[in-house]
Amino acid sequence: MTAVFGFQLKTPIDSYQLFLYEKKNSHKDSITIGLLRPFFTSNKKTLNLGYRFRSFFNSGHTNVDNNAEIISYLNTTNYFDFYFEFYNRFLYFRFNPTNRITSQNNNKIKRLDSTSDYLNDRWGLINSHRNFLFQSSFAIHLNGVGFGLSNESMWFGPGFHSSLILSNNAPGFKHYFVGTLEQLRFKNYGLNFKFLVYENKEIDSPFFHSALAGSFTIYNNPVITFGFARSFFSKELDNLNWTISDASKLVIKPLFGSDKGHEGLFPGEPKNWEPWDQSISGYLKLYFPEDKIYTYLELGTDDSRANMVDLRAHWDHNVGYIIGMRNYEILGYEQIFYGIEYISTKNSTNTHRDGYYRGGITDPNYYTNSQYLYSTYGGRRIGAHSGSDSDDLIFLLGYTKKSLSSIISYNFERRGVSNGIKSVPEIKEEVVLSFNYNINGIRYSIYIENEKIWNYRFDASNKPRFSNVIGFSINFLAHKE
């Protein structure tokens, strides 16, 4: 329910607000909205000042996806925050102190038993701090290219509901970054890129996370965007001193382990082996301006390959993908829009056939390394919130006219789809309805959600679990250029 104002796509931003923002700006050149968030759409001197109040009532389990620190606990959860944001040719600054009041007592982060424990509806996963500074940044830049320190949420990829590499499902984490704050344009071409690195100290054995992402756009008919993202989790080992500088260099090293010069570095292991947890993806996005349609495909893997032979033999090992489209004009009605998206991180059976065996068919797929908290931060998945060995389908329909907008969505999610260790997959159904109204610089929002989970914790004998959420927010912004 985070509002969108001014020139920046605010974060954390849920899929509903992304749709409203993208629809409003789809006729402009900056159609790469949503690929690398956060970003700017203007290099003018801008000042934003505002405050928000958000309140949730929840009848069941912890809920609300893709909203970073904004979580709905059992019973009542309230948030009040103030934000100040300044942007000019050389400086970007955002300050966002927040207060959370909840009737639910929450445990601090701790290491849990398996990848299936790190799901948004599990209890006791969210840090218990009630007063905190989040979604804040300081950066020095020249015409949109710069560096800085931030804990703003990020998003890599074309999806509106899921991302294979990095989404805003997890709380924002403090990181160093270098990259573009706005798209670089060269005639009919556009370029975005972002590099980040930070140290996760949530557990006794800290580890590093580094990532690099970029997109290249050709403005034609259709508009074509190619993009990629690469992410590494790494840490110090008994025989290897490892620093944040070492972690930073991983994202620019060769793709195959045999080309990285590991020989002798890890005693007892093949020279092409490495202990790091790599995820990499590439995507293609097309925009058809006359029909106002976006289509996209992202393909990625949560595994490293030793060499080209290994890639050819096990090309689909630990592969995930996202496919989707968004349409901002239906049968000539500009007020109506829709989106559909499907993600899969399920196991592949092809890679387990005779002659191409690698791993077990019952091994979970994606986000499975316990040393790195199963690719999580603050108890929540950094990538796709559906997690390991899962698939997730969402359909969204919306209406907007002048100051009023409304969106309804249906989401069907399965976890543990092909993992034979679990007796049955866990199934989640979710229906969300939201209303938004802008008047005199104030945005009023109502959020209603019904979520039901069958086979909770992969046990068919468990009764279905329900979460009914009603939310309300008021967002006031004073905006000046």
Protein backbone atom coordinates (compact mmCIF):
# COMPACT_ATOMS: atom_id res chain seq x y z
CA MET A 1 0.00 0.00 0.00
CA THR A 2 2.99 2.32 -0.36
CA ALA A 3 2.06 5.34 -2.42
CA VAL A 4 3.83 6.62 -5.51
CA PHE A 5 4.42 10.33 -5.91
CA GLY A 6 6.67 12.70 -7.79
CA PHE A 7 9.48 11.55 -10.00
CA GLN A 8 10.79 8.48 -8.18
CA LEU A 9 9.32 5.01 -7.95
CA LYS A 10 9.06 4.80 -4.16
CA THR A 11 10.26 1.73 -2.36
CA PRO A 12 9.19 -0.59 -0.95
CA ILE A 13 6.68 -0.68 -3.79
CA ASP A 14 4.12 -3.45 -4.15
CA SER A 15 2.87 -4.76 -7.48
CA TYR A 16 -0.37 -2.77 -7.29
CA GLN A 17 1.40 0.60 -7.05
CA LEU A 18 3.84 -0.47 -9.76
CA PHE A 19 0.91 -1.01 -12.12
CA LEU A 20 -0.58 2.39 -11.36
CA TYR A 21 2.75 4.14 -11.88
CA GLU A 22 3.61 2.19 -15.03
CA LYS A 23 0.20 2.86 -16.58
CA LYS A 24 0.52 6.59 -15.96
CA ASN A 25 3.99 6.72 -17.53
CA SER A 26 3.73 4.06 -20.27
CA HIS A 27 3.49 6.71 -23.01
CA LYS A 28 6.86 8.21 -22.05
CA ASP A 29 10.36 7.16 -23.07
CA SER A 30 11.11 5.73 -19.61
CA ILE A 31 9.27 2.47 -20.28
CA THR A 32 11.92 0.43 -18.47
CA ILE A 33 10.03 1.07 -15.24
CA GLY A 34 10.42 -1.84 -12.85
CA LEU A 35 13.64 -3.38 -14.21
CA LEU A 36 16.13 -1.95 -11.70
CA ARG A 37 14.40 -0.29 -8.76
CA PRO A 38 14.66 2.21 -7.21
CA PHE A 39 15.31 4.72 -10.02
CA PHE A 40 14.39 8.22 -11.14
CA THR A 41 12.58 9.50 -14.22
CA SER A 42 13.82 13.10 -14.10
CA ASN A 43 17.14 14.79 -13.39
CA LYS A 44 15.49 18.00 -12.21
CA LYS A 45 16.18 19.37 -8.75
CA THR A 46 13.44 17.89 -6.59
CA LEU A 47 12.41 17.98 -2.95
CA ASN A 48 9.88 15.58 -1.42
CA LEU A 49 8.60 15.86 2.13
CA GLY A 50 5.81 13.74 3.54
CA TYR A 51 4.43 11.40 6.16
CA ARG A 52 2.36 8.21 6.16
CA PHE A 53 0.14 6.30 8.52
CA ARG A 54 -0.63 2.62 7.77
CA SER A 55 -2.76 0.29 9.85
CA PHE A 56 -3.50 -3.44 9.41
CA PHE A 57 -5.83 -5.81 11.18
CA ASN A 58 -4.97 -9.48 10.62
CA SER A 59 -6.99 -12.49 11.82
CA GLY A 60 -4.28 -15.09 11.11
CA HIS A 61 -0.65 -15.75 10.18
CA THR A 62 2.02 -13.17 9.30
CA ASN A 63 1.15 -11.70 5.93
CA VAL A 64 1.80 -9.16 3.12
CA ASP A 65 4.39 -9.99 0.42
CA ASN A 66 6.87 -7.73 -1.40
CA ASN A 67 6.66 -4.82 1.03
CA ALA A 68 10.02 -5.06 2.79
CA GLU A 69 9.60 -4.01 6.45
CA ILE A 70 5.86 -3.47 6.12
CA ILE A 71 4.39 -6.65 7.67
CA SER A 72 0.93 -7.49 8.97
CA TYR A 73 1.12 -9.47 12.22
CA LEU A 74 -1.72 -11.12 14.13
CA ASN A 75 -4.31 -8.62 15.35
CA THR A 76 -3.28 -4.97 14.88
CA THR A 77 -0.09 -3.54 13.35
CA ASN A 78 0.39 0.21 12.84
CA TYR A 79 3.16 2.10 11.06
CA PHE A 80 3.90 5.80 11.11
CA ASP A 81 6.80 7.23 9.14
CA PHE A 82 8.21 10.54 7.97
CA TYR A 83 10.32 10.91 4.84
CA PHE A 84 12.50 13.65 3.44
CA GLU A 85 14.01 13.29 -0.01
CA PHE A 86 16.28 15.57 -2.02
CA TYR A 87 17.68 15.08 -5.52
CA ASN A 88 19.73 17.39 -7.74
CA ARG A 89 22.50 17.05 -10.29
CA PHE A 90 25.12 15.94 -7.75
CA LEU A 91 23.35 14.67 -4.64
CA TYR A 92 20.66 12.22 -3.64
CA PHE A 93 19.49 11.98 -0.03
CA ARG A 94 16.54 10.13 1.49
CA PHE A 95 15.76 9.93 5.21
CA ASN A 96 12.87 7.74 6.44
CA PRO A 97 12.46 7.20 10.23
CA THR A 98 9.64 4.77 11.04
CA ASN A 99 7.73 3.67 14.11
CA ARG A 100 5.92 0.32 14.28
CA ILE A 101 3.33 -0.55 16.94
CA THR A 102 2.14 -4.14 17.05
CA SER A 103 0.19 -6.32 19.47
CA GLN A 104 2.26 -9.36 18.44
CA ASN A 105 5.50 -10.24 20.24
CA ASN A 106 8.11 -11.34 17.69
CA ASN A 107 11.35 -13.24 18.12
CA LYS A 108 14.65 -12.02 16.75
CA ILE A 109 16.23 -13.67 13.74
CA LYS A 110 17.71 -17.11 14.27
CA ARG A 111 18.95 -19.88 12.02
CA LEU A 112 16.07 -22.20 11.11
CA ASP A 113 16.12 -25.83 10.02
CA SER A 114 15.36 -25.83 6.29
CA THR A 115 14.60 -23.72 3.25
CA SER A 116 10.87 -24.33 3.70
CA ASP A 117 10.99 -22.56 7.09
CA TYR A 118 11.75 -19.22 5.43
CA LEU A 119 8.31 -18.34 4.09
CA ASN A 120 6.32 -15.17 4.75
CA ASP A 121 3.54 -16.89 6.70
CA ARG A 122 5.91 -18.45 9.29
CA TRP A 123 5.94 -16.92 12.77
CA GLY A 124 8.91 -15.42 14.58
CA LEU A 125 10.99 -14.52 11.54
CA ILE A 126 10.89 -10.74 11.63
CA ASN A 127 13.26 -8.61 13.68
CA SER A 128 11.53 -7.12 16.71
CA HIS A 129 12.85 -3.53 16.46
CA ARG A 130 9.92 -1.13 16.60
CA ASN A 131 11.69 2.16 15.91
CA PHE A 132 14.04 2.10 12.98
CA LEU A 133 15.45 3.94 10.02
CA PHE A 134 14.65 2.19 6.76
CA GLN A 135 14.44 2.93 3.02
CA SER A 136 17.13 5.62 3.39
CA SER A 137 20.07 6.56 1.16
CA PHE A 138 22.93 8.96 0.63
CA ALA A 139 24.58 9.12 -2.80
CA ILE A 140 26.88 11.37 -4.80
CA HIS A 141 26.28 11.31 -8.54
CA LEU A 142 26.77 13.17 -11.79
CA ASN A 143 23.75 13.24 -14.08
CA GLY A 144 22.34 10.05 -12.59
CA VAL A 145 25.52 7.92 -12.29
CA GLY A 146 27.04 7.67 -8.84
CA PHE A 147 27.81 5.77 -5.65
CA GLY A 148 26.58 5.73 -2.09
CA LEU A 149 25.30 3.96 1.00
CA SER A 150 21.71 2.79 1.26
CA ASN A 151 19.22 0.43 2.86
CA GLU A 152 16.51 1.07 0.26
CA SER A 153 14.85 -2.03 -1.17
CA MET A 154 15.84 -3.06 -4.69
CA TRP A 155 14.33 -5.12 -7.48
CA PHE A 156 16.14 -6.79 -10.39
CA GLY A 157 14.14 -8.03 -13.37
CA PRO A 158 10.95 -7.49 -15.40
CA GLY A 159 8.40 -9.18 -13.08
CA PHE A 160 5.80 -7.35 -11.00
CA HIS A 161 5.12 -10.16 -8.49
CA SER A 162 8.37 -12.15 -8.35
CA SER A 163 12.08 -11.85 -9.11
CA LEU A 164 14.57 -14.70 -9.31
CA ILE A 165 17.57 -12.71 -8.04
CA LEU A 166 16.50 -9.74 -5.92
CA SER A 167 13.05 -8.48 -4.90
CA ASN A 168 11.72 -6.17 -2.19
CA ASN A 169 10.16 -9.07 -0.31
CA ALA A 170 12.99 -8.93 2.27
CA PRO A 171 13.59 -5.89 4.48
CA GLY A 172 16.00 -3.34 3.06
CA PHE A 173 19.62 -4.05 4.02
CA LYS A 174 22.52 -1.62 4.42
CA HIS A 175 24.72 -1.84 1.34
CA TYR A 176 27.27 0.05 -0.73
CA PHE A 177 26.33 0.63 -4.36
CA VAL A 178 27.54 2.03 -7.67
CA GLY A 179 25.23 2.55 -10.62
CA THR A 180 22.62 4.59 -12.45
CA LEU A 181 19.87 6.39 -10.59
CA GLU A 182 18.15 7.20 -13.87
CA GLN A 183 18.44 5.72 -17.33
CA LEU A 184 21.34 6.86 -19.52
CA ARG A 185 20.01 7.74 -22.98
CA PHE A 186 22.04 7.77 -26.21
CA LYS A 187 19.69 8.64 -29.07
CA ASN A 188 17.47 5.53 -29.37
CA TYR A 189 19.35 3.49 -26.76
CA GLY A 190 19.10 3.31 -22.98
CA LEU A 191 21.36 1.84 -20.31
CA ASN A 192 20.88 1.01 -16.61
CA PHE A 193 23.24 -0.82 -14.23
CA LYS A 194 23.63 -1.41 -10.49
CA PHE A 195 26.36 -3.01 -8.35
CA LEU A 196 25.97 -3.64 -4.61
CA VAL A 197 27.78 -5.38 -1.77
CA TYR A 198 27.16 -5.76 1.97
CA GLU A 199 27.97 -8.00 4.93
CA ASN A 200 25.14 -9.93 6.58
CA LYS A 201 25.79 -10.18 10.34
CA GLU A 202 22.51 -11.78 11.43
CA ILE A 203 24.21 -15.01 12.55
CA ASP A 204 27.47 -15.93 14.30
CA SER A 205 29.29 -16.65 11.01
CA PRO A 206 28.68 -13.54 8.85
CA PHE A 207 28.71 -13.70 5.09
CA PHE A 208 28.81 -11.31 2.15
CA HIS A 209 26.30 -10.68 -0.61
CA SER A 210 27.35 -9.00 -3.85
CA ALA A 211 25.29 -8.45 -7.01
CA LEU A 212 25.52 -6.86 -10.44
CA ALA A 213 22.60 -6.13 -12.78
CA GLY A 214 22.06 -4.19 -15.97
CA SER A 215 19.68 -3.58 -18.85
CA PHE A 216 20.06 -2.30 -22.41
CA THR A 217 17.05 -0.87 -24.26
CA ILE A 218 16.52 -0.25 -27.97
CA TYR A 219 13.73 2.30 -28.53
CA ASN A 220 11.93 1.14 -31.63
CA ASN A 221 8.60 -0.52 -32.37
CA PRO A 222 8.50 -2.69 -30.38
CA VAL A 223 10.84 -1.37 -27.69
CA ILE A 224 13.28 -4.17 -26.83
CA THR A 225 15.11 -4.54 -23.51
CA PHE A 226 17.81 -7.09 -22.73
CA GLY A 227 18.84 -7.53 -19.10
CA PHE A 228 20.91 -9.66 -16.75
CA ALA A 229 21.56 -10.07 -13.03
CA ARG A 230 24.30 -11.96 -11.17
CA SER A 231 24.44 -12.54 -7.41
CA PHE A 232 26.93 -14.19 -5.05
CA PHE A 233 26.78 -15.18 -1.39
CA SER A 234 30.28 -15.83 -0.02
CA LYS A 235 32.13 -16.06 3.29
CA GLU A 236 35.49 -16.60 4.99
CA LEU A 237 36.64 -20.22 5.22
CA ASP A 238 39.06 -21.98 7.56
CA ASN A 239 41.83 -21.93 4.97
CA LEU A 240 40.81 -18.74 3.17
CA ASN A 241 40.77 -15.16 4.45
CA TRP A 242 37.84 -13.48 2.71
CA THR A 243 36.99 -9.76 2.76
CA ILE A 244 34.29 -7.51 1.35
CA SER A 245 36.73 -6.58 -1.42
CA ASP A 246 37.06 -10.25 -2.43
CA ALA A 247 33.27 -10.66 -2.39
CA SER A 248 32.89 -7.58 -4.61
CA LYS A 249 35.09 -9.06 -7.35
CA LEU A 250 33.06 -12.27 -7.74
CA VAL A 251 30.39 -10.67 -9.93
CA ILE A 252 32.93 -9.74 -12.64
CA LYS A 253 34.84 -13.03 -12.66
CA PRO A 254 34.41 -15.60 -15.48
CA LEU A 255 31.20 -17.61 -15.72
CA PHE A 256 32.76 -21.10 -15.50
CA GLY A 257 34.65 -22.42 -12.49
CA SER A 258 37.42 -23.81 -14.72
CA ASP A 259 38.27 -20.25 -15.86
CA LYS A 260 38.57 -18.70 -12.38
CA GLY A 261 42.00 -20.05 -11.39
CA HIS A 262 40.86 -21.96 -8.30
CA GLU A 263 43.52 -24.66 -8.61
CA GLY A 264 45.11 -25.25 -5.20
CA LEU A 265 42.80 -22.77 -3.49
CA PHE A 266 40.47 -25.41 -2.02
CA PRO A 267 42.48 -28.52 -1.00
CA GLY A 268 40.79 -31.82 -1.81
CA GLU A 269 38.36 -30.24 -4.29
CA PRO A 270 38.48 -30.10 -8.13
CA LYS A 271 40.07 -26.93 -9.53
CA ASN A 272 36.71 -25.86 -11.02
CA TRP A 273 34.86 -26.16 -7.71
CA GLU A 274 33.94 -23.15 -5.54
CA PRO A 275 32.02 -22.85 -2.25
CA TRP A 276 30.12 -19.71 -3.18
CA ASP A 277 26.38 -19.60 -3.88
CA GLN A 278 25.81 -18.03 -7.28
CA SER A 279 22.52 -17.02 -8.94
CA ILE A 280 22.42 -15.64 -12.46
CA SER A 281 19.60 -14.70 -14.83
CA GLY A 282 18.92 -13.05 -18.17
CA TYR A 283 15.69 -11.60 -19.51
CA LEU A 284 14.01 -10.19 -22.58
CA LYS A 285 11.25 -7.60 -22.36
CA LEU A 286 9.19 -6.23 -25.27
CA TYR A 287 6.92 -3.17 -25.22
CA PHE A 288 4.39 -2.53 -27.99
CA PRO A 289 3.52 1.21 -27.75
CA GLU A 290 0.43 1.13 -29.97
CA ASP A 291 -1.21 -1.64 -27.93
CA LYS A 292 0.38 -0.62 -24.59
CA ILE A 293 1.46 -4.23 -23.96
CA TYR A 294 4.54 -5.45 -22.10
CA THR A 295 5.67 -9.07 -22.48
CA TYR A 296 8.72 -10.60 -20.82
CA LEU A 297 10.67 -13.76 -20.09
CA GLU A 298 13.38 -14.25 -17.45
CA LEU A 299 15.51 -17.41 -17.23
CA GLY A 300 17.96 -18.07 -14.42
CA THR A 301 19.86 -20.66 -12.42
CA ASP A 302 20.83 -20.96 -8.77
CA ASP A 303 23.99 -22.93 -9.51
CA SER A 304 27.50 -22.58 -10.97
CA ARG A 305 28.79 -24.55 -13.96
CA ALA A 306 32.28 -26.04 -14.09
CA ASN A 307 32.72 -25.61 -17.86
CA MET A 308 30.86 -25.70 -21.16
CA VAL A 309 30.52 -29.50 -21.02
CA ASP A 310 28.86 -29.20 -17.61
CA LEU A 311 26.52 -26.48 -18.92
CA ARG A 312 25.47 -28.54 -21.94
CA ALA A 313 24.88 -31.68 -19.86
CA HIS A 314 23.07 -29.97 -17.00
CA TRP A 315 21.68 -26.84 -18.62
CA ASP A 316 18.39 -27.12 -16.72
CA HIS A 317 19.83 -27.98 -13.30
CA ASN A 318 18.48 -25.53 -10.71
CA VAL A 319 16.79 -23.50 -13.44
CA GLY A 320 13.95 -21.10 -12.72
CA TYR A 321 11.96 -18.84 -15.01
CA ILE A 322 9.38 -16.05 -15.06
CA ILE A 323 6.99 -15.32 -17.91
CA GLY A 324 4.36 -12.60 -17.98
CA MET A 325 2.60 -9.72 -19.65
CA ARG A 326 0.90 -6.44 -18.76
CA ASN A 327 -1.73 -4.71 -20.89
CA TYR A 328 -2.71 -1.10 -20.23
CA GLU A 329 -5.57 -0.76 -22.69
CA ILE A 330 -8.29 -3.41 -23.23
CA LEU A 331 -10.58 -3.23 -26.27
CA GLY A 332 -10.01 0.51 -26.50
CA TYR A 333 -10.77 1.19 -22.82
CA GLU A 334 -7.79 3.03 -21.35
CA GLN A 335 -9.26 2.86 -17.84
CA ILE A 336 -8.93 -0.95 -17.64
CA PHE A 337 -5.66 -2.89 -17.43
CA TYR A 338 -4.50 -6.35 -16.45
CA GLY A 339 -1.38 -8.41 -15.80
CA ILE A 340 -0.54 -12.09 -15.58
CA GLU A 341 2.70 -13.65 -14.38
CA TYR A 342 4.00 -17.16 -13.69
CA ILE A 343 7.22 -18.15 -11.94
CA SER A 344 8.72 -21.60 -11.49
CA THR A 345 11.66 -22.72 -9.35
CA LYS A 346 10.58 -26.38 -9.52
CA ASN A 347 13.00 -29.27 -9.99
CA SER A 348 13.62 -30.45 -13.53
CA THR A 349 13.39 -34.15 -14.37
CA ASN A 350 15.51 -33.86 -17.52
CA THR A 351 18.72 -33.24 -15.61
CA HIS A 352 18.22 -36.50 -13.66
CA ARG A 353 17.90 -38.83 -16.63
CA ASP A 354 20.44 -41.57 -17.33
CA GLY A 355 23.74 -40.16 -18.49
CA TYR A 356 22.93 -36.66 -17.25
CA TYR A 357 22.54 -37.30 -13.53
CA ARG A 358 23.36 -34.49 -11.13
CA GLY A 359 21.92 -34.47 -7.64
CA GLY A 360 18.78 -36.22 -6.45
CA ILE A 361 15.31 -35.81 -7.87
CA THR A 362 14.04 -35.12 -4.35
CA ASP A 363 16.62 -32.40 -3.67
CA PRO A 364 14.99 -28.97 -3.28
CA ASN A 365 15.61 -26.46 -6.07
CA TYR A 366 16.73 -22.83 -5.64
CA TYR A 367 17.63 -20.97 -2.40
CA THR A 368 18.90 -24.10 -0.62
CA ASN A 369 22.25 -23.14 0.95
CA SER A 370 21.97 -23.11 4.75
CA GLN A 371 25.32 -21.24 5.19
CA TYR A 372 23.67 -18.18 3.67
CA LEU A 373 20.32 -18.51 5.46
CA TYR A 374 18.73 -19.93 2.30
CA SER A 375 19.10 -16.64 0.39
CA THR A 376 17.23 -14.57 2.96
CA TYR A 377 17.63 -11.38 4.93
CA GLY A 378 15.63 -10.52 8.04
CA GLY A 379 13.92 -13.90 7.81
CA ARG A 380 12.48 -13.21 4.35
CA ARG A 381 13.44 -14.39 0.89
CA ILE A 382 15.65 -11.99 -1.06
CA GLY A 383 14.40 -13.38 -4.38
CA ALA A 384 11.03 -14.99 -5.09
CA HIS A 385 8.89 -15.14 -1.94
CA SER A 386 7.42 -18.53 -3.01
CA GLY A 387 10.88 -19.98 -2.29
CA SER A 388 12.43 -23.31 -3.23
CA ASP A 389 10.88 -25.92 -5.55
CA SER A 390 7.76 -23.80 -6.08
CA ASP A 391 5.55 -22.22 -8.69
CA ASP A 392 3.38 -19.13 -8.42
CA LEU A 393 0.65 -17.79 -10.75
CA ILE A 394 -1.00 -14.39 -10.39
CA PHE A 395 -3.68 -12.58 -12.39
CA LEU A 396 -4.41 -8.91 -11.76
CA LEU A 397 -7.22 -6.70 -13.10
CA GLY A 398 -7.41 -2.97 -12.50
CA TYR A 399 -9.42 0.18 -13.17
CA THR A 400 -8.25 3.77 -12.93
CA LYS A 401 -9.81 7.10 -13.83
CA LYS A 402 -8.63 10.50 -12.66
CA SER A 403 -8.05 10.29 -8.88
CA LEU A 404 -9.64 6.87 -8.30
CA SER A 405 -8.10 3.45 -8.87
CA SER A 406 -9.00 -0.09 -7.89
CA ILE A 407 -7.17 -3.40 -8.37
CA ILE A 408 -8.18 -7.01 -7.70
CA SER A 409 -5.82 -9.96 -7.96
CA TYR A 410 -5.91 -13.75 -7.62
CA ASN A 411 -2.76 -15.67 -6.69
CA PHE A 412 -2.19 -19.46 -6.66
CA GLU A 413 1.10 -20.67 -5.16
CA ARG A 414 2.57 -24.16 -4.59
CA ARG A 415 5.63 -24.99 -2.47
CA GLY A 416 7.52 -28.27 -2.44
CA VAL A 417 6.01 -29.28 -5.79
CA SER A 418 8.42 -32.05 -6.82
CA ASN A 419 10.30 -32.65 -3.57
CA GLY A 420 9.55 -36.28 -2.73
CA ILE A 421 10.66 -35.87 0.89
CA LYS A 422 7.48 -33.90 1.54
CA SER A 423 4.27 -35.93 1.39
CA VAL A 424 2.25 -33.20 -0.35
CA PRO A 425 2.95 -29.69 -1.64
CA GLU A 426 1.87 -26.73 0.44
CA ILE A 427 -0.75 -24.70 -1.47
CA LYS A 428 -1.64 -21.04 -0.99
CA GLU A 429 -4.58 -19.13 -2.51
CA GLU A 430 -4.81 -15.38 -2.15
CA VAL A 431 -7.34 -12.76 -3.24
CA VAL A 432 -6.51 -9.05 -2.82
CA LEU A 433 -8.67 -6.00 -3.40
CA SER A 434 -7.36 -2.44 -3.09
CA PHE A 435 -8.84 1.03 -3.53
CA ASN A 436 -6.86 4.25 -3.88
CA TYR A 437 -8.08 7.84 -3.99
CA ASN A 438 -6.01 11.01 -4.38
CA ILE A 439 -7.32 14.40 -3.35
CA ASN A 440 -5.49 17.65 -2.50
CA GLY A 441 -2.08 15.97 -2.27
CA ILE A 442 -3.29 13.22 0.05
CA ARG A 443 -3.61 9.56 -0.96
CA TYR A 444 -6.15 7.36 0.83
CA SER A 445 -5.87 3.58 0.39
CA ILE A 446 -7.89 0.56 1.53
CA TYR A 447 -6.43 -2.95 1.31
CA ILE A 448 -8.41 -6.19 1.75
CA GLU A 449 -6.81 -9.64 1.54
CA ASN A 450 -7.98 -13.21 2.05
CA GLU A 451 -5.29 -15.89 2.15
CA LYS A 452 -5.75 -19.64 2.66
CA ILE A 453 -3.03 -22.30 3.00
CA TRP A 454 -3.68 -26.03 2.55
CA ASN A 455 -1.32 -28.82 3.71
CA TYR A 456 0.44 -26.43 6.07
CA ARG A 457 4.07 -27.48 6.58
CA PHE A 458 3.51 -30.16 3.92
CA ASP A 459 1.14 -32.21 6.08
CA ALA A 460 -2.22 -33.12 4.51
CA SER A 461 -3.70 -33.81 7.95
CA ASN A 462 -3.27 -30.16 9.03
CA LYS A 463 -6.34 -27.97 8.85
CA PRO A 464 -6.25 -25.05 6.38
CA ARG A 465 -4.81 -21.82 7.78
CA PHE A 466 -6.46 -18.48 7.06
CA SER A 467 -5.30 -14.89 7.14
CA ASN A 468 -7.82 -12.10 6.56
CA VAL A 469 -6.22 -8.67 6.40
CA ILE A 470 -7.87 -5.25 6.30
CA GLY A 471 -5.54 -2.29 5.87
CA PHE A 472 -5.90 1.47 5.65
CA SER A 473 -3.32 4.13 4.85
CA ILE A 474 -3.05 7.90 4.52
CA ASN A 475 -0.08 9.35 2.63
CA PHE A 476 0.59 13.09 2.53
CA LEU A 477 3.30 14.54 0.28
CA ALA A 478 4.59 18.04 -0.18
CA HIS A 479 6.40 18.02 -3.55
CA LYS A 480 8.55 20.80 -4.99
CA GLU A 481 10.78 21.05 -8.06
